[in-house]
Amino acid sequence: MTVTETFADQLKNATWNDHEEAERTAYLDALMGGRVSREGYADMVAQHYYAYVALEEAGRALADDPVAGPFVSRELERVPSLEVDLEELYGTNWRDAITPSKPTLTYVARINQIADWPGGFIAHHYTRYLGDLSGGQVIRKLVERAYNFETSAGVAFYLFPDIPDLKEFKVDYRNRLNSLNLDEVQAKRVIAETALAYQLNTEVLVEIGKRLPEYLVA
């Protein structure tokens, strides 16, 4: 008997190389190795902020959509946590201290462009939040050790206090993906957008990596 591949599996398998490419950037490699200064870490947090503002604005607009709505979850929202982290990293005037890079502007523009397409929103939602709930938790532990934050401020982005069981939540998330009523053309379109989302994320990290000479610590 042939086991039919679920959409969640299709999505993961079709974009795995794109996911791996994002993890292989010089910046992320240095961050995971504890070789990036606090300033260099702050740069990534700042770039995240712009992307999540756009993504969560799109989510609020699609909250009642029958396709995208089930993915919009208050427990996942990251903007409030990012604001806490940015204040810790840049001070109370953090809004004046941060600037989106060109790749971040391109990324945000794409999120805005697909904001009225539920499948596109899900593609970007999946790329970001499933990563935060998975590999993001590894980054959190490394960052906590590297920068010795006195409180959760600085790593609040990686904390999901309203989700008691991250593993269970991810299983439920994949079930939601599998419940999407997509034909073959629609499924391929969502998968292609997910690959693009990974690419845009990678370009943001590559841009930060250009400043590694000033961000590296001994």
Protein backbone atom coordinates (compact mmCIF):
# COMPACT_ATOMS: atom_id res chain seq x y z
CA MET A 1 0.00 0.00 0.00
CA THR A 2 1.35 3.42 -0.97
CA VAL A 3 1.35 6.00 1.81
CA THR A 4 0.22 9.39 0.52
CA GLU A 5 2.56 12.22 1.46
CA THR A 6 0.78 14.87 3.51
CA PHE A 7 0.92 18.50 2.48
CA ALA A 8 2.98 19.33 5.58
CA ASP A 9 5.50 16.69 4.50
CA GLN A 10 5.48 17.96 0.92
CA LEU A 11 6.14 21.48 2.15
CA LYS A 12 8.97 20.43 4.44
CA ASN A 13 10.64 18.14 1.92
CA ALA A 14 10.33 20.53 -1.03
CA THR A 15 11.87 23.45 0.88
CA TRP A 16 14.40 21.62 3.05
CA ASN A 17 17.38 22.74 0.97
CA ASP A 18 16.17 26.35 1.18
CA HIS A 19 15.88 25.97 4.94
CA GLU A 20 19.37 24.51 5.16
CA GLU A 21 20.77 27.35 3.03
CA ALA A 22 19.48 29.89 5.56
CA GLU A 23 21.20 28.02 8.38
CA ARG A 24 24.52 27.95 6.50
CA THR A 25 25.03 31.72 6.30
CA ALA A 26 28.31 33.03 7.71
CA TYR A 27 26.45 35.26 10.16
CA LEU A 28 24.31 32.51 11.64
CA ASP A 29 27.29 30.19 11.81
CA ALA A 30 29.21 32.80 13.78
CA LEU A 31 26.23 33.51 16.04
CA MET A 32 25.77 29.83 16.82
CA GLY A 33 29.47 29.63 17.57
CA GLY A 34 29.27 32.44 20.12
CA ARG A 35 31.50 34.69 18.02
CA VAL A 36 29.10 37.59 17.39
CA SER A 37 29.10 40.71 19.54
CA ARG A 38 25.99 41.94 21.31
CA GLU A 39 25.77 44.67 18.67
CA GLY A 40 25.80 42.07 15.92
CA TYR A 41 23.03 40.11 17.60
CA ALA A 42 21.01 43.31 18.00
CA ASP A 43 21.20 43.90 14.25
CA MET A 44 19.41 40.60 13.58
CA VAL A 45 16.74 41.39 16.16
CA ALA A 46 16.15 44.76 14.52
CA GLN A 47 15.74 43.22 11.07
CA HIS A 48 13.32 40.65 12.49
CA TYR A 49 11.20 43.47 13.89
CA TYR A 50 10.31 44.92 10.51
CA ALA A 51 9.38 41.53 9.07
CA TYR A 52 7.15 40.61 11.99
CA VAL A 53 5.36 43.95 11.98
CA ALA A 54 4.40 43.30 8.35
CA LEU A 55 3.54 39.64 8.92
CA GLU A 56 1.38 40.28 11.97
CA GLU A 57 -0.41 43.18 10.32
CA ALA A 58 -1.27 40.81 7.47
CA GLY A 59 -2.43 38.24 10.00
CA ARG A 60 -4.83 40.65 11.68
CA ALA A 61 -6.30 41.52 8.29
CA LEU A 62 -6.78 37.81 7.50
CA ALA A 63 -7.99 36.73 10.94
CA ASP A 64 -11.50 36.01 9.68
CA ASP A 65 -10.40 34.39 6.44
CA PRO A 66 -11.52 30.73 6.30
CA VAL A 67 -8.15 29.60 4.89
CA ALA A 68 -5.60 31.82 6.67
CA GLY A 69 -7.61 32.49 9.83
CA PRO A 70 -6.83 29.17 11.56
CA PHE A 71 -3.11 30.06 11.42
CA VAL A 72 -3.49 33.47 13.03
CA SER A 73 -2.72 32.90 16.69
CA ARG A 74 -2.23 35.50 19.40
CA GLU A 75 0.12 33.13 21.22
CA LEU A 76 2.57 33.35 18.33
CA GLU A 77 2.74 37.14 18.02
CA ARG A 78 6.34 38.31 18.25
CA VAL A 79 6.20 42.09 17.86
CA PRO A 80 5.62 42.83 21.58
CA SER A 81 8.52 40.54 22.51
CA LEU A 82 10.77 42.08 19.88
CA GLU A 83 10.03 45.52 21.31
CA VAL A 84 11.12 44.29 24.74
CA ASP A 85 14.33 42.91 23.27
CA LEU A 86 15.07 46.04 21.25
CA GLU A 87 14.71 48.24 24.31
CA GLU A 88 17.15 45.98 26.15
CA LEU A 89 19.62 46.03 23.26
CA TYR A 90 19.35 49.65 22.10
CA GLY A 91 17.76 51.54 24.98
CA THR A 92 14.49 53.43 25.23
CA ASN A 93 15.12 55.30 21.97
CA TRP A 94 15.50 52.06 20.01
CA ARG A 95 13.07 53.16 17.30
CA ASP A 96 15.51 55.90 16.30
CA ALA A 97 18.50 53.55 16.48
CA ILE A 98 17.41 50.86 14.04
CA THR A 99 17.12 50.86 10.25
CA PRO A 100 15.88 48.16 7.86
CA SER A 101 18.47 46.85 5.44
CA LYS A 102 17.74 46.68 1.71
CA PRO A 103 17.04 42.91 1.86
CA THR A 104 14.71 43.50 4.81
CA LEU A 105 12.82 46.13 2.82
CA THR A 106 12.52 43.64 -0.05
CA TYR A 107 11.30 40.97 2.35
CA VAL A 108 8.71 43.29 3.90
CA ALA A 109 7.57 44.40 0.46
CA ARG A 110 6.93 40.79 -0.51
CA ILE A 111 4.94 40.13 2.67
CA ASN A 112 2.84 43.21 1.93
CA GLN A 113 2.43 42.11 -1.67
CA ILE A 114 0.95 38.72 -0.74
CA ALA A 115 -1.01 39.98 2.29
CA ASP A 116 -4.36 39.44 0.55
CA TRP A 117 -3.45 35.93 -0.65
CA PRO A 118 -4.16 33.47 2.17
CA GLY A 119 -1.83 30.82 0.75
CA GLY A 120 1.01 33.30 0.51
CA PHE A 121 0.45 34.46 4.06
CA ILE A 122 0.56 30.85 5.26
CA ALA A 123 3.84 30.31 3.38
CA HIS A 124 5.54 33.20 5.17
CA HIS A 125 3.85 32.37 8.48
CA TYR A 126 5.12 28.80 8.30
CA THR A 127 8.65 29.87 7.40
CA ARG A 128 9.00 32.22 10.34
CA TYR A 129 7.00 30.77 13.22
CA LEU A 130 7.80 27.09 12.75
CA GLY A 131 11.45 28.12 12.68
CA ASP A 132 11.03 30.12 15.88
CA LEU A 133 9.44 27.16 17.62
CA SER A 134 12.17 24.77 16.43
CA GLY A 135 15.68 26.00 15.61
CA GLY A 136 14.92 29.29 17.31
CA GLN A 137 14.92 27.51 20.65
CA VAL A 138 18.50 26.37 20.04
CA ILE A 139 19.50 29.94 19.21
CA ARG A 140 17.84 31.17 22.42
CA LYS A 141 19.98 28.93 24.61
CA LEU A 142 23.19 29.98 22.86
CA VAL A 143 22.28 33.68 23.03
CA GLU A 144 21.42 33.46 26.73
CA ARG A 145 24.87 32.04 27.44
CA ALA A 146 26.68 34.46 25.14
CA TYR A 147 25.21 37.74 26.40
CA ASN A 148 24.24 36.97 30.01
CA PHE A 149 20.96 38.85 29.95
CA GLU A 150 19.76 39.44 33.51
CA THR A 151 16.12 38.86 32.60
CA SER A 152 14.23 37.47 29.62
CA ALA A 153 14.62 40.87 27.93
CA GLY A 154 17.04 40.22 25.10
CA VAL A 155 15.64 36.78 24.29
CA ALA A 156 11.92 37.43 24.75
CA PHE A 157 11.48 36.86 21.02
CA TYR A 158 12.24 33.17 21.50
CA LEU A 159 9.91 32.68 24.48
CA PHE A 160 6.31 31.54 24.03
CA PRO A 161 4.82 31.71 27.53
CA ASP A 162 1.27 31.19 26.26
CA ILE A 163 2.16 27.93 24.50
CA PRO A 164 2.64 25.31 27.22
CA ASP A 165 3.90 22.55 24.90
CA LEU A 166 5.83 23.65 21.81
CA LYS A 167 6.02 20.14 20.40
CA GLU A 168 2.28 19.65 20.67
CA PHE A 169 1.66 23.06 19.12
CA LYS A 170 3.84 22.16 16.12
CA VAL A 171 1.93 18.91 15.63
CA ASP A 172 -1.32 20.86 15.66
CA TYR A 173 0.16 23.38 13.23
CA ARG A 174 1.06 20.65 10.77
CA ASN A 175 -2.44 19.23 11.12
CA ARG A 176 -3.76 22.62 10.11
CA LEU A 177 -1.52 22.54 7.05
CA ASN A 178 -2.84 19.11 6.17
CA SER A 179 -6.42 20.36 6.51
CA LEU A 180 -5.93 22.92 3.75
CA ASN A 181 -8.08 22.05 0.76
CA LEU A 182 -5.48 22.73 -1.93
CA ASP A 183 -5.42 21.30 -5.41
CA GLU A 184 -2.08 20.46 -7.02
CA VAL A 185 -1.63 23.88 -8.61
CA GLN A 186 -2.43 25.72 -5.37
CA ALA A 187 -0.14 23.46 -3.35
CA LYS A 188 2.77 24.05 -5.73
CA ARG A 189 2.18 27.79 -5.53
CA VAL A 190 2.31 27.77 -1.71
CA ILE A 191 5.45 25.62 -1.78
CA ALA A 192 7.10 28.03 -4.24
CA GLU A 193 6.22 30.99 -2.02
CA THR A 194 7.65 29.19 1.00
CA ALA A 195 10.91 28.65 -0.88
CA LEU A 196 10.94 32.34 -1.73
CA ALA A 197 10.34 33.24 1.92
CA TYR A 198 13.38 31.17 2.93
CA GLN A 199 15.42 32.89 0.22
CA LEU A 200 14.40 36.34 1.42
CA ASN A 201 15.27 35.40 4.99
CA THR A 202 18.65 34.14 3.83
CA GLU A 203 19.36 37.40 2.00
CA VAL A 204 18.65 39.34 5.20
CA LEU A 205 21.18 37.21 7.09
CA VAL A 206 23.74 37.48 4.29
CA GLU A 207 23.48 41.27 4.45
CA ILE A 208 24.11 41.25 8.21
CA GLY A 209 27.03 38.94 7.54
CA LYS A 210 28.72 41.63 5.47
CA ARG A 211 29.36 43.42 8.76
CA LEU A 212 30.90 40.39 10.45
CA PRO A 213 34.38 41.92 10.52
CA GLU A 214 33.07 44.53 12.96
CA TYR A 215 30.70 42.16 14.76
CA LEU A 216 33.09 39.30 15.50
CA VAL A 217 34.48 38.96 19.00
CA ALA A 218 37.71 37.30 19.95
